[in-house]
Amino acid sequence: MESFIKTFKKECLNHFVLTSEAQLRYVVKEFLEYYNHERPHSALDGRMIKPWPQDADGEIVEFSRLGGLLKSYRRVKIAA
C-alpha cells in the first residue's frame, strides 16, 4: 500500500491543486483506472494488472486521462 500511495502522489497528486472532495474522488477514480488497466508495472515485468482488450490488427490509439497527465496506448479497430 505504501508503494501505491507513493506512486499516486508522485505521478498524480503532485500535479494538481484540489479544492473539494469531489475533485479528489474524480482524480482517484481516473488514476485507479489508469493504474489497473493501462500502466505497466515493473514487478510484473512491464505487464499491466488487468489490461483492456486489444485488437491485434487495430491501429495504435493514444488514450489520455486527467488532461493528458496520464497517457496510454492500445490497438483499436477503426471502423471504416
N, C-alpha and C. Protein backbone atom coordinates (compact mmCIF):
# COMPACT_ATOMS: atom_id res chain seq x y z
N MET A 1 0.83 -1.19 0.00
CA MET A 1 0.00 0.00 0.00
C MET A 1 0.88 1.25 0.00
N GLU A 2 1.98 1.19 0.73
CA GLU A 2 2.87 2.36 0.77
C GLU A 2 3.41 2.68 -0.61
N SER A 3 3.74 1.65 -1.36
CA SER A 3 4.26 1.86 -2.71
C SER A 3 3.20 2.50 -3.60
N PHE A 4 1.96 2.04 -3.50
CA PHE A 4 0.88 2.63 -4.30
C PHE A 4 0.68 4.10 -3.95
N ILE A 5 0.66 4.42 -2.67
CA ILE A 5 0.45 5.82 -2.24
C ILE A 5 1.58 6.71 -2.75
N LYS A 6 2.81 6.21 -2.67
CA LYS A 6 3.95 6.98 -3.18
C LYS A 6 3.81 7.22 -4.69
N THR A 7 3.41 6.17 -5.42
CA THR A 7 3.21 6.29 -6.86
C THR A 7 2.09 7.27 -7.17
N PHE A 8 0.99 7.16 -6.44
CA PHE A 8 -0.15 8.05 -6.65
C PHE A 8 0.23 9.50 -6.41
N LYS A 9 0.96 9.77 -5.35
CA LYS A 9 1.40 11.14 -5.07
C LYS A 9 2.34 11.65 -6.16
N LYS A 10 3.33 10.82 -6.52
CA LYS A 10 4.36 11.25 -7.47
C LYS A 10 3.80 11.44 -8.88
N GLU A 11 3.00 10.47 -9.35
CA GLU A 11 2.53 10.52 -10.73
C GLU A 11 1.26 11.34 -10.91
N CYS A 12 0.58 11.67 -9.81
CA CYS A 12 -0.72 12.30 -9.97
C CYS A 12 -0.93 13.50 -9.04
N LEU A 13 -1.00 13.28 -7.75
CA LEU A 13 -1.39 14.35 -6.82
C LEU A 13 -0.46 15.55 -6.82
N ASN A 14 0.81 15.34 -7.05
CA ASN A 14 1.76 16.45 -7.04
C ASN A 14 1.53 17.43 -8.18
N HIS A 15 0.66 17.08 -9.13
CA HIS A 15 0.41 17.92 -10.29
C HIS A 15 -0.89 18.71 -10.22
N PHE A 16 -1.62 18.55 -9.12
CA PHE A 16 -2.93 19.19 -9.00
C PHE A 16 -3.07 19.95 -7.69
N VAL A 17 -3.92 20.96 -7.72
CA VAL A 17 -4.38 21.64 -6.51
C VAL A 17 -5.87 21.34 -6.43
N LEU A 18 -6.24 20.45 -5.54
CA LEU A 18 -7.63 20.03 -5.42
C LEU A 18 -8.31 20.85 -4.34
N THR A 19 -9.52 21.29 -4.63
CA THR A 19 -10.22 22.18 -3.69
C THR A 19 -11.50 21.57 -3.14
N SER A 20 -11.81 20.32 -3.51
CA SER A 20 -13.02 19.71 -2.97
C SER A 20 -12.86 18.19 -2.93
N GLU A 21 -13.71 17.57 -2.15
CA GLU A 21 -13.71 16.11 -2.06
C GLU A 21 -14.12 15.50 -3.39
N ALA A 22 -15.03 16.14 -4.09
CA ALA A 22 -15.48 15.64 -5.39
C ALA A 22 -14.31 15.59 -6.39
N GLN A 23 -13.48 16.60 -6.39
CA GLN A 23 -12.31 16.60 -7.27
C GLN A 23 -11.36 15.47 -6.91
N LEU A 24 -11.12 15.28 -5.62
CA LEU A 24 -10.24 14.20 -5.17
C LEU A 24 -10.80 12.84 -5.60
N ARG A 25 -12.09 12.64 -5.43
CA ARG A 25 -12.72 11.37 -5.82
C ARG A 25 -12.56 11.13 -7.32
N TYR A 26 -12.73 12.17 -8.12
CA TYR A 26 -12.58 12.04 -9.57
C TYR A 26 -11.14 11.66 -9.93
N VAL A 27 -10.18 12.35 -9.34
CA VAL A 27 -8.77 12.08 -9.63
C VAL A 27 -8.41 10.66 -9.20
N VAL A 28 -8.86 10.23 -8.04
CA VAL A 28 -8.58 8.87 -7.57
C VAL A 28 -9.19 7.85 -8.52
N LYS A 29 -10.44 8.07 -8.94
CA LYS A 29 -11.12 7.14 -9.86
C LYS A 29 -10.35 7.02 -11.18
N GLU A 30 -9.96 8.14 -11.75
CA GLU A 30 -9.22 8.13 -13.01
C GLU A 30 -7.86 7.46 -12.85
N PHE A 31 -7.16 7.76 -11.75
CA PHE A 31 -5.85 7.15 -11.54
C PHE A 31 -5.96 5.65 -11.35
N LEU A 32 -6.97 5.18 -10.64
CA LEU A 32 -7.14 3.74 -10.44
C LEU A 32 -7.42 3.02 -11.75
N GLU A 33 -8.22 3.63 -12.63
CA GLU A 33 -8.45 3.04 -13.96
C GLU A 33 -7.12 2.93 -14.71
N TYR A 34 -6.35 3.99 -14.69
CA TYR A 34 -5.05 4.00 -15.36
C TYR A 34 -4.11 2.97 -14.72
N TYR A 35 -4.03 2.97 -13.41
CA TYR A 35 -3.10 2.12 -12.68
C TYR A 35 -3.39 0.64 -12.93
N ASN A 36 -4.65 0.26 -12.90
CA ASN A 36 -5.02 -1.14 -13.02
C ASN A 36 -5.09 -1.65 -14.45
N HIS A 37 -5.42 -0.79 -15.42
CA HIS A 37 -5.67 -1.26 -16.77
C HIS A 37 -4.67 -0.77 -17.82
N GLU A 38 -3.92 0.29 -17.54
CA GLU A 38 -3.11 0.90 -18.60
C GLU A 38 -1.64 1.06 -18.24
N ARG A 39 -1.29 1.09 -16.98
CA ARG A 39 0.07 1.39 -16.56
C ARG A 39 0.91 0.11 -16.46
N PRO A 40 2.07 0.07 -17.14
CA PRO A 40 2.96 -1.07 -16.99
C PRO A 40 3.60 -1.08 -15.59
N HIS A 41 3.76 -2.27 -15.01
CA HIS A 41 4.32 -2.39 -13.67
C HIS A 41 5.63 -3.18 -13.73
N SER A 42 6.67 -2.65 -13.14
CA SER A 42 7.97 -3.31 -13.18
C SER A 42 7.94 -4.65 -12.44
N ALA A 43 7.16 -4.77 -11.37
CA ALA A 43 7.07 -6.03 -10.63
C ALA A 43 6.40 -7.13 -11.46
N LEU A 44 5.68 -6.75 -12.51
CA LEU A 44 5.02 -7.71 -13.40
C LEU A 44 5.75 -7.80 -14.73
N ASP A 45 7.02 -7.45 -14.75
CA ASP A 45 7.85 -7.47 -15.96
C ASP A 45 7.27 -6.60 -17.07
N GLY A 46 6.77 -5.43 -16.69
CA GLY A 46 6.26 -4.48 -17.67
C GLY A 46 4.84 -4.75 -18.14
N ARG A 47 4.18 -5.73 -17.54
CA ARG A 47 2.79 -6.02 -17.91
C ARG A 47 1.84 -5.20 -17.05
N MET A 48 0.58 -5.16 -17.47
CA MET A 48 -0.44 -4.45 -16.71
C MET A 48 -1.19 -5.43 -15.82
N ILE A 49 -1.83 -4.91 -14.78
CA ILE A 49 -2.56 -5.76 -13.85
C ILE A 49 -3.73 -6.44 -14.56
N LYS A 50 -4.58 -5.67 -15.21
CA LYS A 50 -5.74 -6.20 -15.94
C LYS A 50 -5.93 -5.35 -17.20
N PRO A 51 -5.15 -5.63 -18.25
CA PRO A 51 -5.18 -4.76 -19.43
C PRO A 51 -6.51 -4.80 -20.16
N TRP A 52 -6.83 -3.68 -20.81
CA TRP A 52 -8.01 -3.62 -21.66
C TRP A 52 -7.80 -4.54 -22.85
N PRO A 53 -8.87 -5.12 -23.40
CA PRO A 53 -8.71 -5.95 -24.61
C PRO A 53 -8.25 -5.10 -25.78
N GLN A 54 -7.46 -5.74 -26.66
CA GLN A 54 -6.94 -5.03 -27.82
C GLN A 54 -7.20 -5.85 -29.07
N ASP A 55 -7.36 -5.17 -30.20
CA ASP A 55 -7.48 -5.83 -31.49
C ASP A 55 -6.08 -5.97 -32.08
N ALA A 56 -5.70 -7.20 -32.39
CA ALA A 56 -4.35 -7.46 -32.89
C ALA A 56 -4.05 -6.70 -34.17
N ASP A 57 -5.05 -6.48 -35.01
CA ASP A 57 -4.82 -5.80 -36.28
C ASP A 57 -5.32 -4.35 -36.26
N GLY A 58 -5.58 -3.81 -35.08
CA GLY A 58 -6.07 -2.44 -34.97
C GLY A 58 -4.95 -1.42 -35.04
N GLU A 59 -5.35 -0.17 -35.17
CA GLU A 59 -4.39 0.93 -35.16
C GLU A 59 -4.06 1.32 -33.73
N ILE A 60 -2.86 1.82 -33.51
CA ILE A 60 -2.46 2.27 -32.19
C ILE A 60 -3.07 3.64 -31.93
N VAL A 61 -3.80 3.74 -30.81
CA VAL A 61 -4.50 4.97 -30.46
C VAL A 61 -4.06 5.40 -29.07
N GLU A 62 -3.86 6.72 -28.91
CA GLU A 62 -3.49 7.27 -27.60
C GLU A 62 -4.75 7.54 -26.79
N PHE A 63 -4.70 7.16 -25.51
CA PHE A 63 -5.77 7.47 -24.57
C PHE A 63 -5.15 8.30 -23.46
N SER A 64 -5.79 9.41 -23.13
CA SER A 64 -5.24 10.24 -22.07
C SER A 64 -6.28 10.47 -20.99
N ARG A 65 -5.81 10.66 -19.78
CA ARG A 65 -6.66 10.91 -18.62
C ARG A 65 -6.13 12.15 -17.90
N LEU A 66 -7.01 12.79 -17.18
CA LEU A 66 -6.66 13.94 -16.35
C LEU A 66 -5.92 15.01 -17.15
N GLY A 67 -6.52 15.38 -18.26
CA GLY A 67 -5.97 16.46 -19.07
C GLY A 67 -4.66 16.13 -19.75
N GLY A 68 -4.40 14.86 -19.98
CA GLY A 68 -3.17 14.45 -20.65
C GLY A 68 -2.03 14.09 -19.72
N LEU A 69 -2.25 14.18 -18.42
CA LEU A 69 -1.20 13.83 -17.46
C LEU A 69 -0.87 12.34 -17.55
N LEU A 70 -1.89 11.52 -17.66
CA LEU A 70 -1.71 10.07 -17.74
C LEU A 70 -2.05 9.63 -19.15
N LYS A 71 -1.09 9.07 -19.85
CA LYS A 71 -1.31 8.64 -21.23
C LYS A 71 -1.03 7.15 -21.37
N SER A 72 -1.79 6.52 -22.24
CA SER A 72 -1.55 5.12 -22.56
C SER A 72 -1.90 4.92 -24.03
N TYR A 73 -1.48 3.79 -24.55
CA TYR A 73 -1.69 3.48 -25.96
C TYR A 73 -2.18 2.05 -26.06
N ARG A 74 -3.12 1.81 -26.98
CA ARG A 74 -3.55 0.45 -27.26
C ARG A 74 -4.09 0.35 -28.67
N ARG A 75 -4.17 -0.87 -29.15
CA ARG A 75 -4.66 -1.11 -30.51
C ARG A 75 -6.17 -1.17 -30.50
N VAL A 76 -6.78 -0.42 -31.41
CA VAL A 76 -8.23 -0.37 -31.53
C VAL A 76 -8.57 -0.46 -33.02
N LYS A 77 -9.56 -1.30 -33.31
CA LYS A 77 -10.00 -1.42 -34.70
C LYS A 77 -10.83 -0.18 -35.03
N ILE A 78 -10.42 0.53 -36.06
CA ILE A 78 -11.10 1.74 -36.51
C ILE A 78 -12.14 1.36 -37.54
N ALA A 79 -13.38 1.78 -37.31
CA ALA A 79 -14.46 1.48 -38.26
C ALA A 79 -14.24 2.25 -39.55
N ALA A 80 -14.41 1.59 -40.67
CA ALA A 80 -14.20 2.23 -41.97
C ALA A 80 -15.41 2.94 -42.47
